[in-house]
Amino acid sequence: MGRGRQKAKHTKVARELKYFSPNTDYTALERELTSSNHDDYSEEASKWAEYADDEDDSYVADEEPREQRERA
């Protein structure tokens, strides 16, 4: 396929995506956002809590690692 035809296809697809406006069911969206399903995450997180190392602050993005700071 030539570049002109390929570009025309991409332009057509981009235009369709730009102006595509699906109907939104706001009541269903509200139900989903206000449901208590987000509590499932806390249950899952509690299973893995023993592996989380909250005490480890050796890495701070703007600073040197703890080992290098202690040597200095």
N, C-alpha and C. Protein backbone atom coordinates (compact mmCIF):
# COMPACT_ATOMS: atom_id res chain seq x y z
N MET A 1 0.86 -1.16 0.00
CA MET A 1 0.00 0.00 0.00
C MET A 1 0.90 1.23 0.00
N GLY A 2 0.57 2.19 -0.83
CA GLY A 2 1.37 3.40 -0.92
C GLY A 2 1.19 4.29 0.29
N ARG A 3 2.11 5.22 0.45
CA ARG A 3 2.09 6.12 1.61
C ARG A 3 0.83 6.98 1.62
N GLY A 4 0.37 7.43 0.47
CA GLY A 4 -0.82 8.27 0.42
C GLY A 4 -2.05 7.54 0.90
N ARG A 5 -2.23 6.30 0.46
CA ARG A 5 -3.39 5.52 0.87
C ARG A 5 -3.31 5.18 2.36
N GLN A 6 -2.12 4.88 2.83
CA GLN A 6 -1.93 4.55 4.24
C GLN A 6 -2.24 5.78 5.11
N LYS A 7 -1.76 6.93 4.68
CA LYS A 7 -2.01 8.15 5.44
C LYS A 7 -3.50 8.47 5.46
N ALA A 8 -4.18 8.25 4.35
CA ALA A 8 -5.61 8.52 4.28
C ALA A 8 -6.37 7.61 5.24
N LYS A 9 -5.95 6.36 5.35
CA LYS A 9 -6.60 5.44 6.28
C LYS A 9 -6.39 5.89 7.73
N HIS A 10 -5.16 6.28 8.04
CA HIS A 10 -4.87 6.75 9.40
C HIS A 10 -5.67 8.01 9.72
N THR A 11 -5.79 8.90 8.75
CA THR A 11 -6.56 10.13 8.95
C THR A 11 -8.02 9.80 9.20
N LYS A 12 -8.55 8.86 8.42
CA LYS A 12 -9.95 8.46 8.58
C LYS A 12 -10.19 7.87 9.96
N VAL A 13 -9.31 6.98 10.41
CA VAL A 13 -9.45 6.35 11.72
C VAL A 13 -9.33 7.39 12.82
N ALA A 14 -8.37 8.30 12.69
CA ALA A 14 -8.17 9.33 13.71
C ALA A 14 -9.40 10.23 13.80
N ARG A 15 -9.98 10.57 12.67
CA ARG A 15 -11.17 11.42 12.65
C ARG A 15 -12.35 10.70 13.31
N GLU A 16 -12.50 9.41 13.02
CA GLU A 16 -13.58 8.63 13.63
C GLU A 16 -13.42 8.58 15.14
N LEU A 17 -12.19 8.38 15.61
CA LEU A 17 -11.95 8.33 17.05
C LEU A 17 -12.18 9.69 17.71
N LYS A 18 -11.79 10.74 17.02
CA LYS A 18 -11.92 12.09 17.58
C LYS A 18 -13.37 12.46 17.79
N TYR A 19 -14.21 12.13 16.84
CA TYR A 19 -15.61 12.56 16.91
C TYR A 19 -16.55 11.48 17.43
N PHE A 20 -16.02 10.33 17.87
CA PHE A 20 -16.84 9.26 18.42
C PHE A 20 -17.28 9.65 19.81
N SER A 21 -18.57 9.63 20.04
CA SER A 21 -19.11 10.01 21.34
C SER A 21 -20.14 8.98 21.78
N PRO A 22 -19.70 7.99 22.56
CA PRO A 22 -20.64 6.96 23.00
C PRO A 22 -21.63 7.51 24.01
N ASN A 23 -22.79 6.90 24.09
CA ASN A 23 -23.77 7.29 25.10
C ASN A 23 -23.27 6.82 26.46
N THR A 24 -23.31 7.70 27.43
CA THR A 24 -22.81 7.38 28.77
C THR A 24 -23.98 7.19 29.72
N ASP A 25 -23.96 6.07 30.41
CA ASP A 25 -24.98 5.79 31.40
C ASP A 25 -24.46 6.28 32.75
N TYR A 26 -24.84 7.50 33.11
CA TYR A 26 -24.31 8.13 34.31
C TYR A 26 -24.80 7.45 35.59
N THR A 27 -25.98 6.86 35.56
CA THR A 27 -26.46 6.17 36.76
C THR A 27 -25.63 4.92 37.03
N ALA A 28 -25.26 4.20 35.97
CA ALA A 28 -24.42 3.02 36.13
C ALA A 28 -23.02 3.43 36.60
N LEU A 29 -22.52 4.53 36.09
CA LEU A 29 -21.22 5.03 36.51
C LEU A 29 -21.24 5.42 37.99
N GLU A 30 -22.30 6.08 38.41
CA GLU A 30 -22.43 6.47 39.80
C GLU A 30 -22.50 5.25 40.71
N ARG A 31 -23.25 4.22 40.29
CA ARG A 31 -23.33 2.99 41.08
C ARG A 31 -21.96 2.34 41.21
N GLU A 32 -21.22 2.33 40.12
CA GLU A 32 -19.90 1.70 40.14
C GLU A 32 -18.94 2.46 41.05
N LEU A 33 -19.00 3.78 41.01
CA LEU A 33 -18.08 4.58 41.80
C LEU A 33 -18.44 4.61 43.28
N THR A 34 -19.72 4.45 43.61
CA THR A 34 -20.13 4.49 45.01
C THR A 34 -20.25 3.11 45.63
N SER A 35 -20.00 2.07 44.88
CA SER A 35 -20.11 0.73 45.43
C SER A 35 -18.97 0.48 46.41
N SER A 36 -19.11 -0.54 47.21
CA SER A 36 -18.10 -0.85 48.22
C SER A 36 -17.10 -1.89 47.71
N ASN A 37 -16.98 -2.06 46.41
CA ASN A 37 -16.04 -3.04 45.86
C ASN A 37 -14.60 -2.63 46.08
N HIS A 38 -14.35 -1.37 46.37
CA HIS A 38 -12.97 -0.94 46.59
C HIS A 38 -12.40 -1.54 47.87
N ASP A 39 -13.23 -2.09 48.72
CA ASP A 39 -12.74 -2.75 49.94
C ASP A 39 -11.99 -4.04 49.62
N ASP A 40 -12.22 -4.60 48.44
CA ASP A 40 -11.52 -5.81 48.04
C ASP A 40 -10.01 -5.59 48.00
N TYR A 41 -9.61 -4.39 47.66
CA TYR A 41 -8.18 -4.08 47.59
C TYR A 41 -7.53 -4.18 48.96
N SER A 42 -8.21 -3.67 49.98
CA SER A 42 -7.61 -3.71 51.31
C SER A 42 -7.47 -5.15 51.80
N GLU A 43 -8.40 -6.01 51.44
CA GLU A 43 -8.28 -7.42 51.81
C GLU A 43 -7.08 -8.04 51.11
N GLU A 44 -6.91 -7.74 49.85
CA GLU A 44 -5.79 -8.28 49.09
C GLU A 44 -4.47 -7.72 49.62
N ALA A 45 -4.45 -6.45 49.96
CA ALA A 45 -3.24 -5.82 50.47
C ALA A 45 -2.85 -6.42 51.82
N SER A 46 -3.82 -6.76 52.63
CA SER A 46 -3.50 -7.32 53.95
C SER A 46 -2.83 -8.69 53.82
N LYS A 47 -3.11 -9.42 52.76
CA LYS A 47 -2.46 -10.71 52.54
C LYS A 47 -0.96 -10.53 52.32
N TRP A 48 -0.58 -9.43 51.69
CA TRP A 48 0.81 -9.20 51.31
C TRP A 48 1.51 -8.22 52.24
N ALA A 49 0.86 -7.82 53.32
CA ALA A 49 1.43 -6.81 54.22
C ALA A 49 2.75 -7.26 54.83
N GLU A 50 2.90 -8.55 55.08
CA GLU A 50 4.14 -9.03 55.69
C GLU A 50 5.35 -8.83 54.79
N TYR A 51 5.12 -8.70 53.48
CA TYR A 51 6.22 -8.52 52.54
C TYR A 51 6.56 -7.06 52.33
N ALA A 52 5.71 -6.17 52.75
CA ALA A 52 5.97 -4.74 52.60
C ALA A 52 6.97 -4.31 53.65
N ASP A 53 7.96 -3.57 53.24
CA ASP A 53 8.98 -3.10 54.17
C ASP A 53 8.85 -1.60 54.30
N ASP A 54 7.97 -1.16 55.19
CA ASP A 54 7.73 0.26 55.38
C ASP A 54 8.89 0.95 56.07
N GLU A 55 9.71 0.21 56.78
CA GLU A 55 10.82 0.79 57.52
C GLU A 55 12.00 1.14 56.62
N ASP A 56 12.04 0.59 55.41
CA ASP A 56 13.18 0.79 54.53
C ASP A 56 13.08 2.12 53.82
N ASP A 57 13.83 3.09 54.28
CA ASP A 57 13.86 4.39 53.62
C ASP A 57 15.23 4.64 53.01
N SER A 58 15.92 3.57 52.66
CA SER A 58 17.27 3.72 52.13
C SER A 58 17.28 4.36 50.76
N TYR A 59 16.17 4.31 50.05
CA TYR A 59 16.13 4.93 48.73
C TYR A 59 15.24 6.15 48.76
N VAL A 60 15.83 7.27 48.52
CA VAL A 60 15.10 8.51 48.35
C VAL A 60 15.57 9.06 47.01
N ALA A 61 14.66 9.40 46.15
CA ALA A 61 14.98 9.74 44.77
C ALA A 61 15.99 10.87 44.65
N ASP A 62 15.92 11.86 45.53
CA ASP A 62 16.79 13.02 45.39
C ASP A 62 18.08 12.89 46.19
N GLU A 63 18.23 11.82 46.93
CA GLU A 63 19.40 11.68 47.78
C GLU A 63 20.18 10.42 47.42
N GLU A 64 21.36 10.31 48.00
CA GLU A 64 22.19 9.13 47.81
C GLU A 64 21.63 8.00 48.67
N PRO A 65 21.91 6.75 48.33
CA PRO A 65 21.48 5.63 49.18
C PRO A 65 22.07 5.75 50.58
N ARG A 66 21.41 5.14 51.54
CA ARG A 66 21.80 5.24 52.95
C ARG A 66 23.25 4.81 53.17
N GLU A 67 23.69 3.74 52.50
CA GLU A 67 25.04 3.24 52.68
C GLU A 67 26.07 4.29 52.31
N GLN A 68 25.83 5.02 51.24
CA GLN A 68 26.77 6.05 50.82
C GLN A 68 26.74 7.24 51.77
N ARG A 69 25.57 7.57 52.31
CA ARG A 69 25.47 8.69 53.25
C ARG A 69 26.22 8.36 54.52
N GLU A 70 26.13 7.09 54.99
CA GLU A 70 26.78 6.71 56.23
C GLU A 70 28.30 6.72 56.11
N ARG A 71 28.82 6.38 54.92
CA ARG A 71 30.26 6.38 54.71
C ARG A 71 30.83 7.78 54.72
N ALA A 72 30.05 8.72 54.26
CA ALA A 72 30.56 10.09 54.12
C ALA A 72 30.74 10.81 55.42
